[in-house]
Amino acid sequence: MLDRIALILTIVGALNWGGIGLFRFDTVAWLFGGQDALLSRVVYSLVALAGVWCISLLFRSRELLEDRVD
């Protein structure tokens, strides 16, 4: 379950960075009141933690990952 939440947050972060890179539009900041708003900073922090968590996916054995899905 934690892997899926981390993956979803990482995808949100990637889409947000895509919006910044392509359109100069920060969706998280727009939704939560600017980059310095508390909620925006919480979302940015959660996305960062999710990205760090997803690094662990690179080092897990394939069998372990498949067992968790079933």
PDB file of N, CA and C in Angstrom:
ATOM      1  N   MET A   1       0.825  -1.191   0.000  1.00  0.00           N
ATOM      2  CA  MET A   1       0.000   0.000   0.000  1.00  0.00           C
ATOM      3  C   MET A   1       0.877   1.266   0.000  1.00  0.00           C
ATOM      4  N   LEU A   2       1.909   1.253   0.836  1.00  0.00           N
ATOM      5  CA  LEU A   2       2.797   2.410   0.913  1.00  0.00           C
ATOM      6  C   LEU A   2       3.515   2.638  -0.416  1.00  0.00           C
ATOM      7  N   ASP A   3       3.849   1.545  -1.103  1.00  0.00           N
ATOM      8  CA  ASP A   3       4.495   1.671  -2.420  1.00  0.00           C
ATOM      9  C   ASP A   3       3.582   2.392  -3.405  1.00  0.00           C
ATOM     10  N   ARG A   4       2.324   2.059  -3.396  1.00  0.00           N
ATOM     11  CA  ARG A   4       1.375   2.691  -4.327  1.00  0.00           C
ATOM     12  C   ARG A   4       1.164   4.169  -4.010  1.00  0.00           C
ATOM     13  N   ILE A   5       1.067   4.494  -2.736  1.00  0.00           N
ATOM     14  CA  ILE A   5       0.923   5.907  -2.347  1.00  0.00           C
ATOM     15  C   ILE A   5       2.153   6.689  -2.775  1.00  0.00           C
ATOM     16  N   ALA A   6       3.329   6.103  -2.528  1.00  0.00           N
ATOM     17  CA  ALA A   6       4.573   6.767  -2.927  1.00  0.00           C
ATOM     18  C   ALA A   6       4.633   6.945  -4.433  1.00  0.00           C
ATOM     19  N   LEU A   7       4.212   5.939  -5.169  1.00  0.00           N
ATOM     20  CA  LEU A   7       4.223   6.035  -6.628  1.00  0.00           C
ATOM     21  C   LEU A   7       3.257   7.114  -7.114  1.00  0.00           C
ATOM     22  N   ILE A   8       2.087   7.186  -6.534  1.00  0.00           N
ATOM     23  CA  ILE A   8       1.110   8.216  -6.921  1.00  0.00           C
ATOM     24  C   ILE A   8       1.667   9.612  -6.640  1.00  0.00           C
ATOM     25  N   LEU A   9       2.261   9.795  -5.465  1.00  0.00           N
ATOM     26  CA  LEU A   9       2.834  11.101  -5.136  1.00  0.00           C
ATOM     27  C   LEU A   9       3.999  11.457  -6.060  1.00  0.00           C
ATOM     28  N   THR A  10       4.789  10.462  -6.421  1.00  0.00           N
ATOM     29  CA  THR A  10       5.897  10.704  -7.344  1.00  0.00           C
ATOM     30  C   THR A  10       5.379  11.096  -8.724  1.00  0.00           C
ATOM     31  N   ILE A  11       4.310  10.485  -9.159  1.00  0.00           N
ATOM     32  CA  ILE A  11       3.695  10.847 -10.440  1.00  0.00           C
ATOM     33  C   ILE A  11       3.142  12.268 -10.377  1.00  0.00           C
ATOM     34  N   VAL A  12       2.504  12.621  -9.264  1.00  0.00           N
ATOM     35  CA  VAL A  12       2.015  13.993  -9.088  1.00  0.00           C
ATOM     36  C   VAL A  12       3.174  14.976  -9.205  1.00  0.00           C
ATOM     37  N   GLY A  13       4.273  14.661  -8.551  1.00  0.00           N
ATOM     38  CA  GLY A  13       5.448  15.524  -8.622  1.00  0.00           C
ATOM     39  C   GLY A  13       6.003  15.633 -10.027  1.00  0.00           C
ATOM     40  N   ALA A  14       6.048  14.511 -10.732  1.00  0.00           N
ATOM     41  CA  ALA A  14       6.556  14.530 -12.101  1.00  0.00           C
ATOM     42  C   ALA A  14       5.654  15.365 -13.011  1.00  0.00           C
ATOM     43  N   LEU A  15       4.355  15.228 -12.852  1.00  0.00           N
ATOM     44  CA  LEU A  15       3.429  16.027 -13.658  1.00  0.00           C
ATOM     45  C   LEU A  15       3.549  17.511 -13.318  1.00  0.00           C
ATOM     46  N   ASN A  16       3.744  17.807 -12.041  1.00  0.00           N
ATOM     47  CA  ASN A  16       3.912  19.200 -11.645  1.00  0.00           C
ATOM     48  C   ASN A  16       5.188  19.780 -12.257  1.00  0.00           C
ATOM     49  N   TRP A  17       6.286  19.024 -12.196  1.00  0.00           N
ATOM     50  CA  TRP A  17       7.540  19.497 -12.802  1.00  0.00           C
ATOM     51  C   TRP A  17       7.406  19.613 -14.317  1.00  0.00           C
ATOM     52  N   GLY A  18       6.645  18.723 -14.929  1.00  0.00           N
ATOM     53  CA  GLY A  18       6.383  18.842 -16.362  1.00  0.00           C
ATOM     54  C   GLY A  18       5.646  20.131 -16.689  1.00  0.00           C
ATOM     55  N   GLY A  19       4.662  20.465 -15.863  1.00  0.00           N
ATOM     56  CA  GLY A  19       3.925  21.716 -16.055  1.00  0.00           C
ATOM     57  C   GLY A  19       4.812  22.934 -15.878  1.00  0.00           C
ATOM     58  N   ILE A  20       5.728  22.867 -14.923  1.00  0.00           N
ATOM     59  CA  ILE A  20       6.666  23.972 -14.714  1.00  0.00           C
ATOM     60  C   ILE A  20       7.606  24.099 -15.908  1.00  0.00           C
ATOM     61  N   GLY A  21       8.133  22.973 -16.358  1.00  0.00           N
ATOM     62  CA  GLY A  21       9.086  22.993 -17.470  1.00  0.00           C
ATOM     63  C   GLY A  21       8.476  23.395 -18.798  1.00  0.00           C
ATOM     64  N   LEU A  22       7.284  22.911 -19.073  1.00  0.00           N
ATOM     65  CA  LEU A  22       6.664  23.163 -20.373  1.00  0.00           C
ATOM     66  C   LEU A  22       5.856  24.458 -20.420  1.00  0.00           C
ATOM     67  N   PHE A  23       5.178  24.762 -19.330  1.00  0.00           N
ATOM     68  CA  PHE A  23       4.223  25.874 -19.354  1.00  0.00           C
ATOM     69  C   PHE A  23       4.488  26.963 -18.318  1.00  0.00           C
ATOM     70  N   ARG A  24       5.547  26.782 -17.517  1.00  0.00           N
ATOM     71  CA  ARG A  24       5.843  27.706 -16.419  1.00  0.00           C
ATOM     72  C   ARG A  24       4.645  27.831 -15.479  1.00  0.00           C
ATOM     73  N   PHE A  25       3.993  26.716 -15.227  1.00  0.00           N
ATOM     74  CA  PHE A  25       2.807  26.705 -14.375  1.00  0.00           C
ATOM     75  C   PHE A  25       2.982  25.662 -13.278  1.00  0.00           C
ATOM     76  N   ASP A  26       2.991  26.104 -12.037  1.00  0.00           N
ATOM     77  CA  ASP A  26       3.145  25.232 -10.876  1.00  0.00           C
ATOM     78  C   ASP A  26       1.746  24.913 -10.332  1.00  0.00           C
ATOM     79  N   THR A  27       1.260  23.730 -10.651  1.00  0.00           N
ATOM     80  CA  THR A  27      -0.095  23.331 -10.275  1.00  0.00           C
ATOM     81  C   THR A  27      -0.266  23.273  -8.757  1.00  0.00           C
ATOM     82  N   VAL A  28       0.729  22.739  -8.053  1.00  0.00           N
ATOM     83  CA  VAL A  28       0.633  22.639  -6.595  1.00  0.00           C
ATOM     84  C   VAL A  28       0.513  24.028  -5.978  1.00  0.00           C
ATOM     85  N   ALA A  29       1.353  24.941  -6.417  1.00  0.00           N
ATOM     86  CA  ALA A  29       1.297  26.311  -5.892  1.00  0.00           C
ATOM     87  C   ALA A  29      -0.041  26.960  -6.222  1.00  0.00           C
ATOM     88  N   TRP A  30      -0.534  26.721  -7.408  1.00  0.00           N
ATOM     89  CA  TRP A  30      -1.815  27.298  -7.821  1.00  0.00           C
ATOM     90  C   TRP A  30      -2.961  26.761  -6.960  1.00  0.00           C
ATOM     91  N   LEU A  31      -2.932  25.461  -6.689  1.00  0.00           N
ATOM     92  CA  LEU A  31      -4.010  24.844  -5.914  1.00  0.00           C
ATOM     93  C   LEU A  31      -3.993  25.244  -4.441  1.00  0.00           C
ATOM     94  N   PHE A  32      -2.786  25.441  -3.889  1.00  0.00           N
ATOM     95  CA  PHE A  32      -2.682  25.594  -2.443  1.00  0.00           C
ATOM     96  C   PHE A  32      -2.186  26.968  -1.999  1.00  0.00           C
ATOM     97  N   GLY A  33      -2.192  27.957  -2.875  1.00  0.00           N
ATOM     98  CA  GLY A  33      -1.933  29.322  -2.436  1.00  0.00           C
ATOM     99  C   GLY A  33      -0.520  29.829  -2.568  1.00  0.00           C
ATOM    100  N   GLY A  34       0.227  29.325  -3.514  1.00  0.00           N
ATOM    101  CA  GLY A  34       1.586  29.807  -3.732  1.00  0.00           C
ATOM    102  C   GLY A  34       2.636  28.859  -3.187  1.00  0.00           C
ATOM    103  N   GLN A  35       3.873  29.043  -3.643  1.00  0.00           N
ATOM    104  CA  GLN A  35       4.952  28.143  -3.249  1.00  0.00           C
ATOM    105  C   GLN A  35       5.290  28.227  -1.771  1.00  0.00           C
ATOM    106  N   ASP A  36       5.071  29.362  -1.152  1.00  0.00           N
ATOM    107  CA  ASP A  36       5.414  29.538   0.253  1.00  0.00           C
ATOM    108  C   ASP A  36       4.287  29.166   1.208  1.00  0.00           C
ATOM    109  N   ALA A  37       3.121  28.834   0.676  1.00  0.00           N
ATOM    110  CA  ALA A  37       1.989  28.456   1.529  1.00  0.00           C
ATOM    111  C   ALA A  37       2.283  27.126   2.229  1.00  0.00           C
ATOM    112  N   LEU A  38       1.781  27.007   3.424  1.00  0.00           N
ATOM    113  CA  LEU A  38       2.039  25.813   4.227  1.00  0.00           C
ATOM    114  C   LEU A  38       1.592  24.536   3.510  1.00  0.00           C
ATOM    115  N   LEU A  39       0.404  24.539   2.931  1.00  0.00           N
ATOM    116  CA  LEU A  39      -0.095  23.338   2.247  1.00  0.00           C
ATOM    117  C   LEU A  39       0.780  22.964   1.051  1.00  0.00           C
ATOM    118  N   SER A  40       1.243  23.959   0.313  1.00  0.00           N
ATOM    119  CA  SER A  40       2.133  23.678  -0.811  1.00  0.00           C
ATOM    120  C   SER A  40       3.426  23.048  -0.322  1.00  0.00           C
ATOM    121  N   ARG A  41       3.974  23.571   0.743  1.00  0.00           N
ATOM    122  CA  ARG A  41       5.220  23.028   1.281  1.00  0.00           C
ATOM    123  C   ARG A  41       5.032  21.611   1.793  1.00  0.00           C
ATOM    124  N   VAL A  42       3.852  21.327   2.362  1.00  0.00           N
ATOM    125  CA  VAL A  42       3.554  19.963   2.814  1.00  0.00           C
ATOM    126  C   VAL A  42       3.509  19.022   1.610  1.00  0.00           C
ATOM    127  N   VAL A  43       2.829  19.437   0.543  1.00  0.00           N
ATOM    128  CA  VAL A  43       2.745  18.597  -0.660  1.00  0.00           C
ATOM    129  C   VAL A  43       4.131  18.386  -1.255  1.00  0.00           C
ATOM    130  N   TYR A  44       4.926  19.455  -1.382  1.00  0.00           N
ATOM    131  CA  TYR A  44       6.286  19.322  -1.908  1.00  0.00           C
ATOM    132  C   TYR A  44       7.107  18.357  -1.054  1.00  0.00           C
ATOM    133  N   SER A  45       6.958  18.438   0.258  1.00  0.00           N
ATOM    134  CA  SER A  45       7.707  17.555   1.158  1.00  0.00           C
ATOM    135  C   SER A  45       7.259  16.103   1.019  1.00  0.00           C
ATOM    136  N   LEU A  46       5.952  15.880   0.904  1.00  0.00           N
ATOM    137  CA  LEU A  46       5.441  14.514   0.729  1.00  0.00           C
ATOM    138  C   LEU A  46       5.911  13.916  -0.589  1.00  0.00           C
ATOM    139  N   VAL A  47       5.935  14.733  -1.637  1.00  0.00           N
ATOM    140  CA  VAL A  47       6.415  14.261  -2.937  1.00  0.00           C
ATOM    141  C   VAL A  47       7.895  13.897  -2.845  1.00  0.00           C
ATOM    142  N   ALA A  48       8.669  14.710  -2.153  1.00  0.00           N
ATOM    143  CA  ALA A  48      10.094  14.417  -1.983  1.00  0.00           C
ATOM    144  C   ALA A  48      10.306  13.123  -1.203  1.00  0.00           C
ATOM    145  N   LEU A  49       9.562  12.939  -0.125  1.00  0.00           N
ATOM    146  CA  LEU A  49       9.669  11.696   0.646  1.00  0.00           C
ATOM    147  C   LEU A  49       9.243  10.486  -0.182  1.00  0.00           C
ATOM    148  N   ALA A  50       8.213  10.660  -0.990  1.00  0.00           N
ATOM    149  CA  ALA A  50       7.767   9.570  -1.863  1.00  0.00           C
ATOM    150  C   ALA A  50       8.849   9.216  -2.874  1.00  0.00           C
ATOM    151  N   GLY A  51       9.524  10.221  -3.406  1.00  0.00           N
ATOM    152  CA  GLY A  51      10.612   9.964  -4.344  1.00  0.00           C
ATOM    153  C   GLY A  51      11.744   9.187  -3.696  1.00  0.00           C
ATOM    154  N   VAL A  52      12.077   9.550  -2.464  1.00  0.00           N
ATOM    155  CA  VAL A  52      13.121   8.821  -1.733  1.00  0.00           C
ATOM    156  C   VAL A  52      12.673   7.381  -1.478  1.00  0.00           C
ATOM    157  N   TRP A  53      11.415   7.203  -1.121  1.00  0.00           N
ATOM    158  CA  TRP A  53      10.879   5.855  -0.893  1.00  0.00           C
ATOM    159  C   TRP A  53      10.953   5.023  -2.183  1.00  0.00           C
ATOM    160  N   CYS A  54      10.647   5.649  -3.322  1.00  0.00           N
ATOM    161  CA  CYS A  54      10.647   4.924  -4.588  1.00  0.00           C
ATOM    162  C   CYS A  54      12.054   4.479  -4.999  1.00  0.00           C
ATOM    163  N   ILE A  55      13.076   5.119  -4.461  1.00  0.00           N
ATOM    164  CA  ILE A  55      14.440   4.646  -4.722  1.00  0.00           C
ATOM    165  C   ILE A  55      14.593   3.209  -4.242  1.00  0.00           C
ATOM    166  N   SER A  56      13.928   2.873  -3.145  1.00  0.00           N
ATOM    167  CA  SER A  56      14.022   1.507  -2.615  1.00  0.00           C
ATOM    168  C   SER A  56      13.463   0.475  -3.595  1.00  0.00           C
ATOM    169  N   LEU A  57      12.548   0.895  -4.464  1.00  0.00           N
ATOM    170  CA  LEU A  57      11.994  -0.036  -5.450  1.00  0.00           C
ATOM    171  C   LEU A  57      13.066  -0.540  -6.413  1.00  0.00           C
ATOM    172  N   LEU A  58      14.084   0.266  -6.649  1.00  0.00           N
ATOM    173  CA  LEU A  58      15.163  -0.130  -7.553  1.00  0.00           C
ATOM    174  C   LEU A  58      15.990  -1.285  -6.998  1.00  0.00           C
ATOM    175  N   PHE A  59      16.020  -1.411  -5.685  1.00  0.00           N
ATOM    176  CA  PHE A  59      16.893  -2.385  -5.048  1.00  0.00           C
ATOM    177  C   PHE A  59      16.166  -3.603  -4.507  1.00  0.00           C
ATOM    178  N   ARG A  60      14.879  -3.671  -4.705  1.00  0.00           N
ATOM    179  CA  ARG A  60      14.120  -4.837  -4.252  1.00  0.00           C
ATOM    180  C   ARG A  60      14.143  -5.912  -5.326  1.00  0.00           C
ATOM    181  N   SER A  61      14.093  -7.158  -4.889  1.00  0.00           N
ATOM    182  CA  SER A  61      14.074  -8.248  -5.860  1.00  0.00           C
ATOM    183  C   SER A  61      12.712  -8.300  -6.541  1.00  0.00           C
ATOM    184  N   ARG A  62      12.700  -8.745  -7.759  1.00  0.00           N
ATOM    185  CA  ARG A  62      11.465  -8.797  -8.532  1.00  0.00           C
ATOM    186  C   ARG A  62      10.443  -9.734  -7.880  1.00  0.00           C
ATOM    187  N   GLU A  63      10.893 -10.828  -7.323  1.00  0.00           N
ATOM    188  CA  GLU A  63       9.986 -11.781  -6.688  1.00  0.00           C
ATOM    189  C   GLU A  63       9.276 -11.155  -5.490  1.00  0.00           C
ATOM    190  N   LEU A  64       9.998 -10.376  -4.719  1.00  0.00           N
ATOM    191  CA  LEU A  64       9.399  -9.710  -3.565  1.00  0.00           C
ATOM    192  C   LEU A  64       8.327  -8.739  -3.996  1.00  0.00           C
ATOM    193  N   LEU A  65       8.586  -7.985  -5.056  1.00  0.00           N
ATOM    194  CA  LEU A  65       7.595  -7.042  -5.568  1.00  0.00           C
ATOM    195  C   LEU A  65       6.360  -7.744  -6.105  1.00  0.00           C
ATOM    196  N   GLU A  66       6.553  -8.867  -6.807  1.00  0.00           N
ATOM    197  CA  GLU A  66       5.414  -9.599  -7.362  1.00  0.00           C
ATOM    198  C   GLU A  66       4.575 -10.237  -6.259  1.00  0.00           C
ATOM    199  N   ASP A  67       5.211 -10.703  -5.177  1.00  0.00           N
ATOM    200  CA  ASP A  67       4.472 -11.284  -4.064  1.00  0.00           C
ATOM    201  C   ASP A  67       3.594 -10.253  -3.380  1.00  0.00           C
ATOM    202  N   ARG A  68       4.048  -9.010  -3.313  1.00  0.00           N
ATOM    203  CA  ARG A  68       3.284  -7.962  -2.655  1.00  0.00           C
ATOM    204  C   ARG A  68       2.045  -7.585  -3.468  1.00  0.00           C
ATOM    205  N   VAL A  69       2.097  -7.690  -4.788  1.00  0.00           N
ATOM    206  CA  VAL A  69       0.971  -7.312  -5.634  1.00  0.00           C
ATOM    207  C   VAL A  69      -0.172  -8.306  -5.490  1.00  0.00           C
ATOM    208  N   ASP A  70       0.161  -9.584  -5.336  1.00  0.00           N
ATOM    209  CA  ASP A  70      -0.879 -10.621  -5.242  1.00  0.00           C
ATOM    210  C   ASP A  70      -1.658 -10.568  -4.002  1.00  0.00           C
TER     211      ASP A  70
END
